[in-house]
C-alpha atoms as a PDB file:
ATOM      1  CA  MET A   1      18.230 -15.412 -25.668  1.00  0.00           C
ATOM      2  CA  ASP A   2      14.616 -15.272 -24.515  1.00  0.00           C
ATOM      3  CA  TYR A   3      14.820 -13.684 -21.002  1.00  0.00           C
ATOM      4  CA  TRP A   4      11.170 -12.833 -20.894  1.00  0.00           C
ATOM      5  CA  GLY A   5      10.220 -16.481 -21.132  1.00  0.00           C
ATOM      6  CA  LYS A   6      12.093 -17.007 -17.862  1.00  0.00           C
ATOM      7  CA  ILE A   7      10.440 -14.394 -15.795  1.00  0.00           C
ATOM      8  CA  GLU A   8       7.728 -15.411 -13.360  1.00  0.00           C
ATOM      9  CA  HIS A   9       5.264 -12.992 -11.972  1.00  0.00           C
ATOM     10  CA  ILE A  10       4.256 -13.966  -8.445  1.00  0.00           C
ATOM     11  CA  TYR A  11       1.656 -11.931  -6.581  1.00  0.00           C
ATOM     12  CA  ASP A  12       0.974 -12.950  -2.997  1.00  0.00           C
ATOM     13  CA  ASP A  13      -2.165 -11.920  -0.994  1.00  0.00           C
ATOM     14  CA  ASP A  14      -0.260  -9.068   0.723  1.00  0.00           C
ATOM     15  CA  THR A  15       0.785  -7.573  -2.609  1.00  0.00           C
ATOM     16  CA  ILE A  16      -2.840  -7.758  -4.050  1.00  0.00           C
ATOM     17  CA  ASP A  17      -4.254  -6.309  -0.806  1.00  0.00           C
ATOM     18  CA  TYR A  18      -1.777  -3.398  -0.935  1.00  0.00           C
ATOM     19  CA  ILE A  19      -2.573  -2.503  -4.476  1.00  0.00           C
ATOM     20  CA  MET A  20      -6.282  -2.680  -3.905  1.00  0.00           C
ATOM     21  CA  LEU A  21      -6.036  -0.487  -0.884  1.00  0.00           C
ATOM     22  CA  GLN A  22      -4.250   2.119  -2.927  1.00  0.00           C
ATOM     23  CA  LEU A  23      -7.047   1.981  -5.519  1.00  0.00           C
ATOM     24  CA  ARG A  24      -9.769   2.433  -2.862  1.00  0.00           C
ATOM     25  CA  ILE A  25      -7.891   5.410  -1.409  1.00  0.00           C
ATOM     26  CA  LEU A  26      -7.522   7.175  -4.703  1.00  0.00           C
ATOM     27  CA  LYS A  27     -11.101   6.497  -5.749  1.00  0.00           C
ATOM     28  CA  HIS A  28     -12.263   9.145  -3.382  1.00  0.00           C
ATOM     29  CA  SER A  29      -9.570  11.799  -3.925  1.00  0.00           C
ATOM     30  CA  LYS A  30      -8.590  14.214  -6.627  1.00  0.00           C
ATOM     31  CA  LYS A  31      -6.589  12.622  -9.300  1.00  0.00           C
ATOM     32  CA  ILE A  32      -5.187  12.962 -12.757  1.00  0.00           C
ATOM     33  CA  ALA A  33      -4.616  10.417 -15.443  1.00  0.00           C
ATOM     34  CA  THR A  34      -1.717  10.710 -17.940  1.00  0.00           C
ATOM     35  CA  ARG A  35      -0.955   8.450 -20.913  1.00  0.00           C
ATOM     36  CA  LEU A  36       2.336   6.787 -20.938  1.00  0.00           C
ATOM     37  CA  LYS A  37       3.643   4.596 -23.712  1.00  0.00           C
ATOM     38  CA  GLY A  38       1.160   2.588 -25.757  1.00  0.00           C
ATOM     39  CA  ASN A  39      -1.969   1.707 -23.766  1.00  0.00           C
ATOM     40  CA  HIS A  40      -0.391   2.400 -20.439  1.00  0.00           C
ATOM     41  CA  TYR A  41      -1.699   5.146 -18.153  1.00  0.00           C
ATOM     42  CA  ALA A  42      -0.599   6.579 -14.945  1.00  0.00           C
ATOM     43  CA  ILE A  43      -3.250   7.630 -12.379  1.00  0.00           C
ATOM     44  CA  ILE A  44      -1.823  10.068  -9.933  1.00  0.00           C
ATOM     45  CA  GLY A  45      -3.590  11.232  -6.717  1.00  0.00           C
ATOM     46  CA  GLU A  46      -3.011  12.162  -3.071  1.00  0.00           C
ATOM     47  CA  ALA A  47      -4.198  10.380  -0.035  1.00  0.00           C
ATOM     48  CA  HIS A  48      -3.447  10.787   3.655  1.00  0.00           C
ATOM     49  CA  GLY A  49      -0.640  13.240   2.735  1.00  0.00           C
ATOM     50  CA  ARG A  50       1.059  10.775   0.296  1.00  0.00           C
ATOM     51  CA  CYS A  51       1.278  11.140  -3.527  1.00  0.00           C
ATOM     52  CA  LEU A  52       0.437   7.897  -5.094  1.00  0.00           C
ATOM     53  CA  VAL A  53       0.635   6.549  -8.600  1.00  0.00           C
ATOM     54  CA  ILE A  54      -1.226   3.532 -10.103  1.00  0.00           C
ATOM     55  CA  ILE A  55      -0.151   2.161 -13.440  1.00  0.00           C
ATOM     56  CA  VAL A  56      -2.889   0.435 -15.564  1.00  0.00           C
ATOM     57  CA  THR A  57      -3.013  -0.868 -19.116  1.00  0.00           C
ATOM     58  CA  LYS A  58      -6.056  -0.462 -21.315  1.00  0.00           C
ATOM     59  CA  VAL A  59      -7.059  -3.782 -22.971  1.00  0.00           C
ATOM     60  CA  ARG A  60     -10.330  -2.818 -24.578  1.00  0.00           C
ATOM     61  CA  GLY A  61     -13.120  -0.438 -24.261  1.00  0.00           C
ATOM     62  CA  ASN A  62     -13.236   0.693 -20.598  1.00  0.00           C
ATOM     63  CA  THR A  63     -11.411  -2.392 -19.406  1.00  0.00           C
ATOM     64  CA  TYR A  64      -8.010  -1.970 -17.730  1.00  0.00           C
ATOM     65  CA  ILE A  65      -5.478  -4.223 -16.217  1.00  0.00           C
ATOM     66  CA  LEU A  66      -3.838  -3.105 -12.892  1.00  0.00           C
ATOM     67  CA  ARG A  67      -0.038  -3.194 -13.215  1.00  0.00           C
ATOM     68  CA  THR A  68       1.313  -1.575 -10.016  1.00  0.00           C
ATOM     69  CA  ALA A  69       0.843   0.986  -7.269  1.00  0.00           C
ATOM     70  CA  ARG A  70       3.621   3.048  -5.581  1.00  0.00           C
ATOM     71  CA  ASN A  71       4.602   6.384  -4.177  1.00  0.00           C
ATOM     72  CA  CYS A  72       5.146   9.124  -6.694  1.00  0.00           C
ATOM     73  CA  ASN A  73       8.542  10.003  -7.895  1.00  0.00           C
ATOM     74  CA  GLU A  74       9.596  13.668  -7.907  1.00  0.00           C
ATOM     75  CA  LYS A  75       8.447  14.339 -11.485  1.00  0.00           C
ATOM     76  CA  GLU A  76       5.047  12.951 -10.725  1.00  0.00           C
ATOM     77  CA  LYS A  77       4.708  15.020  -7.484  1.00  0.00           C
ATOM     78  CA  ARG A  78       5.453  18.152  -9.439  1.00  0.00           C
ATOM     79  CA  LEU A  79       2.873  17.217 -12.116  1.00  0.00           C
ATOM     80  CA  PHE A  80       0.231  16.630  -9.395  1.00  0.00           C
ATOM     81  CA  ALA A  81       1.090  19.793  -7.541  1.00  0.00           C
ATOM     82  CA  LYS A  82       0.652  21.797 -10.652  1.00  0.00           C
ATOM     83  CA  PHE A  83      -2.727  20.137 -11.153  1.00  0.00           C
ATOM     84  CA  LYS A  84      -3.847  20.994  -7.545  1.00  0.00           C
ATOM     85  CA  ARG A  85      -3.257  24.717  -8.123  1.00  0.00           C
END
């Protein structure tokens, strides 16, 4: 059964605004990038006392597609803490 064909991705203005805000915050802070599976990357940084992660996918050259932004999980927090030392 083709479950993927039935999934809709709906992004409202609030979701887009939230993700763009996270990007602007991380742009001016210390951050690290780590490669995930395939062409996916996690950008981890800290802003206003929060550890944030943004997931992007490289499509070609220096072009990336933004996937999501969220608070870091415990593993990502440890990785970023190690980087800050």
